Amino acid sequence: MKSDHSCASCLYYVYDEDYEEYICDMNMDEDDYVRLMSNSREACPYYRNGDEYRVVRKQM
C-alpha cells in the first residue's frame, strides 16, 4: 500500500510484545482491513501523527 506517511510515526503503530514486532493497533474489523489493503489510495485513512511535540515545535 502506498502512503504519504510513515507507519513509524503513526499513533497506532505500536510494539506488540507477544509478536515481538511493531503492528498497526487501529481497531478495525475484517471488512475495513480488506478495504484498506485493496484500496489504491495514496495515504492511509487511519494515519494519526503520534508526535506529541509537533504542536510545541510549531509554537517555537
Protein backbone atom coordinates (compact mmCIF):
# COMPACT_ATOMS: atom_id res chain seq x y z
CA MET A 1 0.00 0.00 0.00
CA LYS A 2 1.33 3.44 -0.88
CA SER A 3 1.42 6.00 1.85
CA ASP A 4 2.36 9.66 2.23
CA HIS A 5 3.02 8.98 5.88
CA SER A 6 5.39 6.56 7.50
CA CYS A 7 3.82 3.97 9.78
CA ALA A 8 6.73 4.54 12.16
CA SER A 9 5.35 7.99 13.07
CA CYS A 10 1.72 6.85 13.33
CA LEU A 11 -0.05 6.90 16.68
CA TYR A 12 -1.44 3.40 16.06
CA TYR A 13 1.93 1.79 15.21
CA VAL A 14 2.93 0.12 18.49
CA TYR A 15 5.26 -2.64 19.64
CA ASP A 16 3.47 -5.90 20.45
CA GLU A 17 5.43 -7.96 22.96
CA ASP A 18 3.53 -11.16 22.10
CA TYR A 19 4.52 -10.99 18.41
CA GLU A 20 7.81 -9.20 19.17
CA GLU A 21 7.27 -6.75 16.33
CA TYR A 22 5.53 -3.48 15.56
CA ILE A 23 1.90 -3.69 14.47
CA CYS A 24 -0.92 -1.36 13.49
CA ASP A 25 -3.14 -1.17 16.55
CA MET A 26 -6.05 0.53 14.81
CA ASN A 27 -9.32 -1.02 15.90
CA MET A 28 -10.85 -2.21 12.61
CA ASP A 29 -12.85 -5.22 11.55
CA GLU A 30 -12.01 -7.62 8.71
CA ASP A 31 -14.01 -5.64 6.16
CA ASP A 32 -12.12 -2.44 7.00
CA TYR A 33 -8.79 -4.27 6.74
CA VAL A 34 -9.60 -5.76 3.34
CA ARG A 35 -10.80 -2.36 2.11
CA LEU A 36 -7.59 -0.73 3.36
CA MET A 37 -5.33 -3.34 1.73
CA SER A 38 -7.17 -3.35 -1.60
CA ASN A 39 -7.62 0.41 -1.88
CA SER A 40 -5.21 2.29 -4.12
CA ARG A 41 -5.29 5.48 -2.04
CA GLU A 42 -2.06 7.36 -1.65
CA ALA A 43 -2.35 7.72 2.15
CA CYS A 44 -3.71 5.57 4.95
CA PRO A 45 -7.09 6.95 6.09
CA TYR A 46 -6.33 5.91 9.69
CA TYR A 47 -2.97 7.68 9.97
CA ARG A 48 -2.65 9.94 13.01
CA ASN A 49 0.64 11.63 13.80
CA GLY A 50 1.94 10.22 17.08
CA ASP A 51 4.47 13.01 17.61
CA GLU A 52 3.40 14.59 20.90
CA TYR A 53 5.76 17.53 20.46
CA ARG A 54 4.69 18.53 16.95
CA VAL A 55 2.43 21.32 18.19
CA VAL A 56 5.08 22.63 20.59
CA ARG A 57 7.68 22.86 17.80
CA LYS A 58 5.24 24.91 15.73
CA GLN A 59 4.83 27.39 18.59
CA MET A 60 8.59 27.98 18.93
